[in-house]
PDB file of N, CA and C in Angstrom:
ATOM      1  N   UNK A   1     142.541 -58.901 -58.016  1.00  0.00           N
ATOM      2  CA  UNK A   1     142.784 -57.563 -58.492  1.00  0.00           C
ATOM      3  C   UNK A   1     143.090 -56.624 -57.324  1.00  0.00           C
ATOM      4  N   UNK A   2     142.390 -56.824 -56.236  1.00  0.00           N
ATOM      5  CA  UNK A   2     142.585 -55.930 -55.097  1.00  0.00           C
ATOM      6  C   UNK A   2     144.008 -56.029 -54.550  1.00  0.00           C
ATOM      7  N   UNK A   3     144.493 -57.250 -54.373  1.00  0.00           N
ATOM      8  CA  UNK A   3     145.850 -57.443 -53.880  1.00  0.00           C
ATOM      9  C   UNK A   3     146.868 -56.853 -54.843  1.00  0.00           C
ATOM     10  N   UNK A   4     146.664 -57.075 -56.125  1.00  0.00           N
ATOM     11  CA  UNK A   4     147.558 -56.517 -57.137  1.00  0.00           C
ATOM     12  C   UNK A   4     147.577 -54.989 -57.051  1.00  0.00           C
ATOM     13  N   UNK A   5     146.411 -54.378 -56.910  1.00  0.00           N
ATOM     14  CA  UNK A   5     146.324 -52.921 -56.781  1.00  0.00           C
ATOM     15  C   UNK A   5     147.068 -52.437 -55.543  1.00  0.00           C
ATOM     16  N   UNK A   6     146.860 -53.100 -54.432  1.00  0.00           N
ATOM     17  CA  UNK A   6     147.516 -52.682 -53.184  1.00  0.00           C
ATOM     18  C   UNK A   6     149.036 -52.771 -53.335  1.00  0.00           C
ATOM     19  N   UNK A   7     149.539 -53.881 -53.875  1.00  0.00           N
ATOM     20  CA  UNK A   7     150.985 -54.014 -54.062  1.00  0.00           C
ATOM     21  C   UNK A   7     151.527 -52.984 -55.051  1.00  0.00           C
ATOM     22  N   UNK A   8     150.803 -52.752 -56.138  1.00  0.00           N
ATOM     23  CA  UNK A   8     151.231 -51.717 -57.077  1.00  0.00           C
ATOM     24  C   UNK A   8     151.259 -50.350 -56.406  1.00  0.00           C
ATOM     25  N   UNK A   9     150.262 -50.057 -55.617  1.00  0.00           N
ATOM     26  CA  UNK A   9     150.171 -48.761 -54.940  1.00  0.00           C
ATOM     27  C   UNK A   9     151.317 -48.582 -53.939  1.00  0.00           C
ATOM     28  N   UNK A  10     151.706 -49.661 -53.272  1.00  0.00           N
ATOM     29  CA  UNK A  10     152.764 -49.589 -52.262  1.00  0.00           C
ATOM     30  C   UNK A  10     154.156 -49.644 -52.893  1.00  0.00           C
ATOM     31  N   UNK A  11     154.353 -50.526 -53.865  1.00  0.00           N
ATOM     32  CA  UNK A  11     155.698 -50.777 -54.384  1.00  0.00           C
ATOM     33  C   UNK A  11     155.974 -50.128 -55.743  1.00  0.00           C
ATOM     34  N   UNK A  12     155.181 -50.474 -56.734  1.00  0.00           N
ATOM     35  CA  UNK A  12     155.477 -50.055 -58.104  1.00  0.00           C
ATOM     36  C   UNK A  12     155.324 -48.559 -58.293  1.00  0.00           C
ATOM     37  N   UNK A  13     154.247 -47.995 -57.775  1.00  0.00           N
ATOM     38  CA  UNK A  13     153.965 -46.566 -57.950  1.00  0.00           C
ATOM     39  C   UNK A  13     154.061 -45.838 -56.611  1.00  0.00           C
ATOM     40  N   UNK A  14     155.086 -46.162 -55.850  1.00  0.00           N
ATOM     41  CA  UNK A  14     155.271 -45.600 -54.512  1.00  0.00           C
ATOM     42  C   UNK A  14     155.265 -44.073 -54.523  1.00  0.00           C
ATOM     43  N   UNK A  15     155.882 -43.477 -55.532  1.00  0.00           N
ATOM     44  CA  UNK A  15     155.953 -42.009 -55.584  1.00  0.00           C
ATOM     45  C   UNK A  15     154.622 -41.372 -55.969  1.00  0.00           C
ATOM     46  N   UNK A  16     153.687 -42.167 -56.487  1.00  0.00           N
ATOM     47  CA  UNK A  16     152.361 -41.657 -56.855  1.00  0.00           C
ATOM     48  C   UNK A  16     151.278 -42.345 -56.025  1.00  0.00           C
ATOM     49  N   UNK A  17     151.657 -42.806 -54.846  1.00  0.00           N
ATOM     50  CA  UNK A  17     150.766 -43.580 -53.976  1.00  0.00           C
ATOM     51  C   UNK A  17     149.458 -42.843 -53.719  1.00  0.00           C
ATOM     52  N   UNK A  18     148.383 -43.588 -53.771  1.00  0.00           N
ATOM     53  CA  UNK A  18     147.054 -43.031 -53.514  1.00  0.00           C
ATOM     54  C   UNK A  18     146.655 -43.347 -52.081  1.00  0.00           C
ATOM     55  N   UNK A  19     146.078 -42.354 -51.430  1.00  0.00           N
ATOM     56  CA  UNK A  19     145.648 -42.501 -50.036  1.00  0.00           C
ATOM     57  C   UNK A  19     144.233 -41.973 -49.880  1.00  0.00           C
ATOM     58  N   UNK A  20     143.558 -42.430 -48.839  1.00  0.00           N
ATOM     59  CA  UNK A  20     142.221 -41.932 -48.535  1.00  0.00           C
ATOM     60  C   UNK A  20     141.221 -42.263 -49.631  1.00  0.00           C
ATOM     61  N   UNK A  21     140.395 -41.265 -49.958  1.00  0.00           N
ATOM     62  CA  UNK A  21     139.368 -41.457 -50.987  1.00  0.00           C
ATOM     63  C   UNK A  21     139.978 -41.693 -52.355  1.00  0.00           C
ATOM     64  N   UNK A  22     141.156 -41.120 -52.624  1.00  0.00           N
ATOM     65  CA  UNK A  22     141.832 -41.348 -53.915  1.00  0.00           C
ATOM     66  C   UNK A  22     142.224 -42.815 -54.064  1.00  0.00           C
ATOM     67  N   UNK A  23     142.521 -43.475 -52.934  1.00  0.00           N
ATOM     68  CA  UNK A  23     142.827 -44.903 -52.963  1.00  0.00           C
ATOM     69  C   UNK A  23     141.628 -45.682 -53.486  1.00  0.00           C
ATOM     70  N   UNK A  24     140.448 -45.379 -52.972  1.00  0.00           N
ATOM     71  CA  UNK A  24     139.231 -46.083 -53.402  1.00  0.00           C
ATOM     72  C   UNK A  24     138.885 -45.761 -54.854  1.00  0.00           C
ATOM     73  N   UNK A  25     139.029 -44.498 -55.261  1.00  0.00           N
ATOM     74  CA  UNK A  25     138.787 -44.144 -56.660  1.00  0.00           C
ATOM     75  C   UNK A  25     139.755 -44.846 -57.591  1.00  0.00           C
ATOM     76  N   UNK A  26     141.023 -44.934 -57.178  1.00  0.00           N
ATOM     77  CA  UNK A  26     142.020 -45.656 -57.962  1.00  0.00           C
ATOM     78  C   UNK A  26     141.709 -47.133 -58.060  1.00  0.00           C
ATOM     79  N   UNK A  27     141.199 -47.702 -56.971  1.00  0.00           N
ATOM     80  CA  UNK A  27     140.828 -49.121 -56.968  1.00  0.00           C
ATOM     81  C   UNK A  27     139.715 -49.396 -57.971  1.00  0.00           C
ATOM     82  N   UNK A  28     138.710 -48.543 -58.003  1.00  0.00           N
ATOM     83  CA  UNK A  28     137.605 -48.707 -58.965  1.00  0.00           C
ATOM     84  C   UNK A  28     138.138 -48.565 -60.397  1.00  0.00           C
ATOM     85  N   UNK A  29     139.004 -47.583 -60.627  1.00  0.00           N
ATOM     86  CA  UNK A  29     139.598 -47.407 -61.957  1.00  0.00           C
ATOM     87  C   UNK A  29     140.442 -48.628 -62.329  1.00  0.00           C
ATOM     88  N   UNK A  30     141.175 -49.172 -61.362  1.00  0.00           N
ATOM     89  CA  UNK A  30     141.997 -50.362 -61.614  1.00  0.00           C
ATOM     90  C   UNK A  30     141.121 -51.561 -61.980  1.00  0.00           C
ATOM     91  N   UNK A  31     139.991 -51.725 -61.282  1.00  0.00           N
ATOM     92  CA  UNK A  31     139.043 -52.793 -61.629  1.00  0.00           C
ATOM     93  C   UNK A  31     138.573 -52.640 -63.077  1.00  0.00           C
ATOM     94  N   UNK A  32     138.243 -51.426 -63.476  1.00  0.00           N
ATOM     95  CA  UNK A  32     137.751 -51.186 -64.840  1.00  0.00           C
ATOM     96  C   UNK A  32     138.838 -51.501 -65.867  1.00  0.00           C
ATOM     97  N   UNK A  33     140.057 -51.023 -65.626  1.00  0.00           N
ATOM     98  CA  UNK A  33     141.168 -51.258 -66.554  1.00  0.00           C
ATOM     99  C   UNK A  33     141.441 -52.748 -66.688  1.00  0.00           C
ATOM    100  N   UNK A  34     141.517 -53.444 -65.554  1.00  0.00           N
ATOM    101  CA  UNK A  34     141.827 -54.880 -65.586  1.00  0.00           C
ATOM    102  C   UNK A  34     140.684 -55.709 -66.167  1.00  0.00           C
ATOM    103  N   UNK A  35     139.471 -55.227 -66.065  1.00  0.00           N
ATOM    104  CA  UNK A  35     138.345 -55.926 -66.689  1.00  0.00           C
ATOM    105  C   UNK A  35     138.462 -55.890 -68.205  1.00  0.00           C
ATOM    106  N   UNK A  36     138.895 -54.768 -68.735  1.00  0.00           N
ATOM    107  CA  UNK A  36     139.142 -54.676 -70.182  1.00  0.00           C
ATOM    108  C   UNK A  36     140.285 -55.608 -70.558  1.00  0.00           C
ATOM    109  N   UNK A  37     141.336 -55.645 -69.723  1.00  0.00           N
ATOM    110  CA  UNK A  37     142.449 -56.568 -69.967  1.00  0.00           C
ATOM    111  C   UNK A  37     142.015 -58.015 -69.955  1.00  0.00           C
ATOM    112  N   UNK A  38     141.090 -58.354 -69.065  1.00  0.00           N
ATOM    113  CA  UNK A  38     140.556 -59.717 -68.996  1.00  0.00           C
ATOM    114  C   UNK A  38     139.816 -60.074 -70.282  1.00  0.00           C
ATOM    115  N   UNK A  39     138.990 -59.160 -70.751  1.00  0.00           N
ATOM    116  CA  UNK A  39     138.245 -59.402 -71.995  1.00  0.00           C
ATOM    117  C   UNK A  39     139.225 -59.564 -73.161  1.00  0.00           C
ATOM    118  N   UNK A  40     140.249 -58.714 -73.195  1.00  0.00           N
ATOM    119  CA  UNK A  40     141.268 -58.833 -74.249  1.00  0.00           C
ATOM    120  C   UNK A  40     142.020 -60.143 -74.169  1.00  0.00           C
ATOM    121  N   UNK A  41     142.372 -60.551 -72.972  1.00  0.00           N
ATOM    122  CA  UNK A  41     143.088 -61.808 -72.763  1.00  0.00           C
ATOM    123  C   UNK A  41     142.275 -62.982 -73.292  1.00  0.00           C
ATOM    124  N   UNK A  42     141.041 -63.095 -72.829  1.00  0.00           N
ATOM    125  CA  UNK A  42     140.185 -64.214 -73.237  1.00  0.00           C
ATOM    126  C   UNK A  42     139.866 -64.129 -74.727  1.00  0.00           C
ATOM    127  N   UNK A  43     139.627 -62.920 -75.225  1.00  0.00           N
ATOM    128  CA  UNK A  43     139.311 -62.753 -76.643  1.00  0.00           C
ATOM    129  C   UNK A  43     140.447 -63.179 -77.556  1.00  0.00           C
ATOM    130  N   UNK A  44     141.657 -62.748 -77.253  1.00  0.00           N
ATOM    131  CA  UNK A  44     142.820 -63.124 -78.068  1.00  0.00           C
ATOM    132  C   UNK A  44     143.064 -64.623 -77.983  1.00  0.00           C
ATOM    133  N   UNK A  45     142.986 -65.171 -76.771  1.00  0.00           N
ATOM    134  CA  UNK A  45     143.209 -66.608 -76.602  1.00  0.00           C
ATOM    135  C   UNK A  45     142.162 -67.420 -77.364  1.00  0.00           C
ATOM    136  N   UNK A  46     140.906 -67.027 -77.270  1.00  0.00           N
ATOM    137  CA  UNK A  46     139.838 -67.747 -77.974  1.00  0.00           C
ATOM    138  C   UNK A  46     140.015 -67.632 -79.490  1.00  0.00           C
ATOM    139  N   UNK A  47     140.366 -66.443 -79.961  1.00  0.00           N
ATOM    140  CA  UNK A  47     140.575 -66.236 -81.396  1.00  0.00           C
ATOM    141  C   UNK A  47     141.726 -67.118 -81.905  1.00  0.00           C
ATOM    142  N   UNK A  48     142.831 -67.115 -81.178  1.00  0.00           N
ATOM    143  CA  UNK A  48     143.983 -67.916 -81.597  1.00  0.00           C
ATOM    144  C   UNK A  48     143.655 -69.407 -81.549  1.00  0.00           C
ATOM    145  N   UNK A  49     142.983 -69.859 -80.501  1.00  0.00           N
ATOM    146  CA  UNK A  49     142.627 -71.273 -80.392  1.00  0.00           C
ATOM    147  C   UNK A  49     141.660 -71.675 -81.491  1.00  0.00           C
ATOM    148  N   UNK A  50     140.723 -70.801 -81.792  1.00  0.00           N
ATOM    149  CA  UNK A  50     139.756 -71.053 -82.861  1.00  0.00           C
ATOM    150  C   UNK A  50     140.462 -71.199 -84.216  1.00  0.00           C
ATOM    151  N   UNK A  51     141.570 -70.499 -84.382  1.00  0.00           N
ATOM    152  CA  UNK A  51     142.335 -70.580 -85.635  1.00  0.00           C
ATOM    153  C   UNK A  51     143.439 -71.632 -85.552  1.00  0.00           C
ATOM    154  N   UNK A  52     143.210 -72.641 -84.729  1.00  0.00           N
ATOM    155  CA  UNK A  52     143.996 -73.864 -84.659  1.00  0.00           C
ATOM    156  C   UNK A  52     145.420 -73.695 -84.143  1.00  0.00           C
ATOM    157  N   UNK A  53     145.633 -72.703 -83.291  1.00  0.00           N
ATOM    158  CA  UNK A  53     146.907 -72.632 -82.584  1.00  0.00           C
ATOM    159  C   UNK A  53     146.846 -73.594 -81.403  1.00  0.00           C
ATOM    160  N   UNK A  54     147.997 -74.058 -80.970  1.00  0.00           N
ATOM    161  CA  UNK A  54     148.050 -74.913 -79.789  1.00  0.00           C
ATOM    162  C   UNK A  54     147.441 -74.163 -78.610  1.00  0.00           C
ATOM    163  N   UNK A  55     146.816 -74.874 -77.683  1.00  0.00           N
ATOM    164  CA  UNK A  55     146.152 -74.229 -76.554  1.00  0.00           C
ATOM    165  C   UNK A  55     147.114 -73.378 -75.738  1.00  0.00           C
ATOM    166  N   UNK A  56     148.343 -73.879 -75.525  1.00  0.00           N
ATOM    167  CA  UNK A  56     149.298 -73.147 -74.705  1.00  0.00           C
ATOM    168  C   UNK A  56     149.788 -71.877 -75.404  1.00  0.00           C
ATOM    169  N   UNK A  57     149.884 -71.907 -76.733  1.00  0.00           N
ATOM    170  CA  UNK A  57     150.290 -70.716 -77.479  1.00  0.00           C
ATOM    171  C   UNK A  57     149.166 -69.677 -77.480  1.00  0.00           C
ATOM    172  N   UNK A  58     147.939 -70.146 -77.631  1.00  0.00           N
ATOM    173  CA  UNK A  58     146.784 -69.238 -77.560  1.00  0.00           C
ATOM    174  C   UNK A  58     146.688 -68.601 -76.172  1.00  0.00           C
ATOM    175  N   UNK A  59     146.887 -69.410 -75.133  1.00  0.00           N
ATOM    176  CA  UNK A  59     146.850 -68.880 -73.761  1.00  0.00           C
ATOM    177  C   UNK A  59     147.974 -67.885 -73.539  1.00  0.00           C
ATOM    178  N   UNK A  60     149.164 -68.192 -74.023  1.00  0.00           N
ATOM    179  CA  UNK A  60     150.305 -67.287 -73.869  1.00  0.00           C
ATOM    180  C   UNK A  60     150.049 -65.957 -74.564  1.00  0.00           C
ATOM    181  N   UNK A  61     149.491 -66.009 -75.768  1.00  0.00           N
ATOM    182  CA  UNK A  61     149.171 -64.771 -76.498  1.00  0.00           C
ATOM    183  C   UNK A  61     148.178 -63.926 -75.703  1.00  0.00           C
ATOM    184  N   UNK A  62     147.169 -64.557 -75.141  1.00  0.00           N
ATOM    185  CA  UNK A  62     146.196 -63.834 -74.314  1.00  0.00           C
ATOM    186  C   UNK A  62     146.828 -63.226 -73.081  1.00  0.00           C
ATOM    187  N   UNK A  63     147.700 -63.976 -72.438  1.00  0.00           N
ATOM    188  CA  UNK A  63     148.381 -63.478 -71.243  1.00  0.00           C
ATOM    189  C   UNK A  63     149.242 -62.265 -71.577  1.00  0.00           C
ATOM    190  N   UNK A  64     149.985 -62.343 -72.676  1.00  0.00           N
ATOM    191  CA  UNK A  64     150.852 -61.231 -73.067  1.00  0.00           C
ATOM    192  C   UNK A  64     150.035 -59.976 -73.357  1.00  0.00           C
ATOM    193  N   UNK A  65     148.976 -60.121 -74.127  1.00  0.00           N
ATOM    194  CA  UNK A  65     148.136 -58.965 -74.466  1.00  0.00           C
ATOM    195  C   UNK A  65     147.485 -58.384 -73.211  1.00  0.00           C
ATOM    196  N   UNK A  66     146.933 -59.240 -72.371  1.00  0.00           N
ATOM    197  CA  UNK A  66     146.293 -58.770 -71.138  1.00  0.00           C
ATOM    198  C   UNK A  66     147.272 -58.066 -70.213  1.00  0.00           C
ATOM    199  N   UNK A  67     148.462 -58.621 -70.068  1.00  0.00           N
ATOM    200  CA  UNK A  67     149.471 -58.024 -69.200  1.00  0.00           C
ATOM    201  C   UNK A  67     149.928 -56.674 -69.727  1.00  0.00           C
ATOM    202  N   UNK A  68     150.185 -56.605 -71.019  1.00  0.00           N
ATOM    203  CA  UNK A  68     150.623 -55.333 -71.608  1.00  0.00           C
ATOM    204  C   UNK A  68     149.540 -54.267 -71.440  1.00  0.00           C
ATOM    205  N   UNK A  69     148.300 -54.618 -71.700  1.00  0.00           N
ATOM    206  CA  UNK A  69     147.203 -53.663 -71.544  1.00  0.00           C
ATOM    207  C   UNK A  69     147.096 -53.203 -70.092  1.00  0.00           C
ATOM    208  N   UNK A  70     147.089 -54.162 -69.159  1.00  0.00           N
ATOM    209  CA  UNK A  70     146.927 -53.807 -67.748  1.00  0.00           C
ATOM    210  C   UNK A  70     148.025 -52.866 -67.275  1.00  0.00           C
ATOM    211  N   UNK A  71     149.260 -53.140 -67.658  1.00  0.00           N
ATOM    212  CA  UNK A  71     150.364 -52.282 -67.226  1.00  0.00           C
ATOM    213  C   UNK A  71     150.251 -50.890 -67.833  1.00  0.00           C
ATOM    214  N   UNK A  72     150.106 -50.830 -69.151  1.00  0.00           N
ATOM    215  CA  UNK A  72     150.074 -49.529 -69.832  1.00  0.00           C
ATOM    216  C   UNK A  72     148.854 -48.706 -69.422  1.00  0.00           C
ATOM    217  N   UNK A  73     147.695 -49.316 -69.436  1.00  0.00           N
ATOM    218  CA  UNK A  73     146.472 -48.572 -69.137  1.00  0.00           C
ATOM    219  C   UNK A  73     146.400 -48.156 -67.673  1.00  0.00           C
ATOM    220  N   UNK A  74     146.817 -49.030 -66.759  1.00  0.00           N
ATOM    221  CA  UNK A  74     146.772 -48.627 -65.355  1.00  0.00           C
ATOM    222  C   UNK A  74     147.821 -47.567 -65.053  1.00  0.00           C
ATOM    223  N   UNK A  75     148.963 -47.616 -65.709  1.00  0.00           N
ATOM    224  CA  UNK A  75     149.970 -46.566 -65.529  1.00  0.00           C
ATOM    225  C   UNK A  75     149.402 -45.207 -65.908  1.00  0.00           C
ATOM    226  N   UNK A  76     148.681 -45.164 -66.999  1.00  0.00           N
ATOM    227  CA  UNK A  76     148.150 -43.897 -67.506  1.00  0.00           C
ATOM    228  C   UNK A  76     146.855 -43.509 -66.793  1.00  0.00           C
ATOM    229  N   UNK A  77     145.908 -44.422 -66.708  1.00  0.00           N
ATOM    230  CA  UNK A  77     144.573 -44.084 -66.224  1.00  0.00           C
ATOM    231  C   UNK A  77     144.418 -44.120 -64.705  1.00  0.00           C
ATOM    232  N   UNK A  78     145.209 -44.926 -64.025  1.00  0.00           N
ATOM    233  CA  UNK A  78     145.069 -45.034 -62.571  1.00  0.00           C
ATOM    234  C   UNK A  78     146.106 -44.166 -61.861  1.00  0.00           C
ATOM    235  N   UNK A  79     147.368 -44.260 -62.271  1.00  0.00           N
ATOM    236  CA  UNK A  79     148.428 -43.527 -61.588  1.00  0.00           C
ATOM    237  C   UNK A  79     148.927 -42.311 -62.374  1.00  0.00           C
ATOM    238  N   UNK A  80     148.225 -41.947 -63.435  1.00  0.00           N
ATOM    239  CA  UNK A  80     148.506 -40.721 -64.203  1.00  0.00           C
ATOM    240  C   UNK A  80     149.936 -40.631 -64.726  1.00  0.00           C
ATOM    241  N   UNK A  81     150.470 -41.743 -65.207  1.00  0.00           N
ATOM    242  CA  UNK A  81     151.803 -41.759 -65.810  1.00  0.00           C
ATOM    243  C   UNK A  81     151.640 -41.656 -67.304  1.00  0.00           C
ATOM    244  N   UNK A  82     152.176 -40.638 -67.915  1.00  0.00           N
ATOM    245  CA  UNK A  82     152.090 -40.473 -69.365  1.00  0.00           C
ATOM    246  C   UNK A  82     153.258 -41.119 -70.083  1.00  0.00           C
ATOM    247  N   UNK A  83     154.381 -41.257 -69.400  1.00  0.00           N
ATOM    248  CA  UNK A  83     155.562 -41.869 -69.997  1.00  0.00           C
ATOM    249  C   UNK A  83     155.790 -43.215 -69.333  1.00  0.00           C
ATOM    250  N   UNK A  84     155.926 -44.258 -70.146  1.00  0.00           N
ATOM    251  CA  UNK A  84     156.120 -45.601 -69.586  1.00  0.00           C
ATOM    252  C   UNK A  84     157.579 -45.943 -69.529  1.00  0.00           C
TER     253      UNK A  84
END
C-alpha cells in the first residue's frame, strides 16, 4: 500500500501532491480506504465462490470491486477529487 500511495502521489495525482505532514495524513487515509477495499474484495470473492462460481471468476469479481473502490474512494477522500 505504501508504494502504491507514493506512486499515486508522484504520478497519478501530481497536481494535488501531498508534502510534509499532509503526506503522512494522506498515507493514513489511503491505508484506511484500501483496507475497506480489501474487505470488499475478499467479501465479494468469498460470496461468489460460496455461490458456486468458478474460483477465477470469484477472484476477478473481487479484484474489480476492490480496484473500483480504491480508485474512487482514494480520489475523493485522500486527494480531494470530487469529479472522477
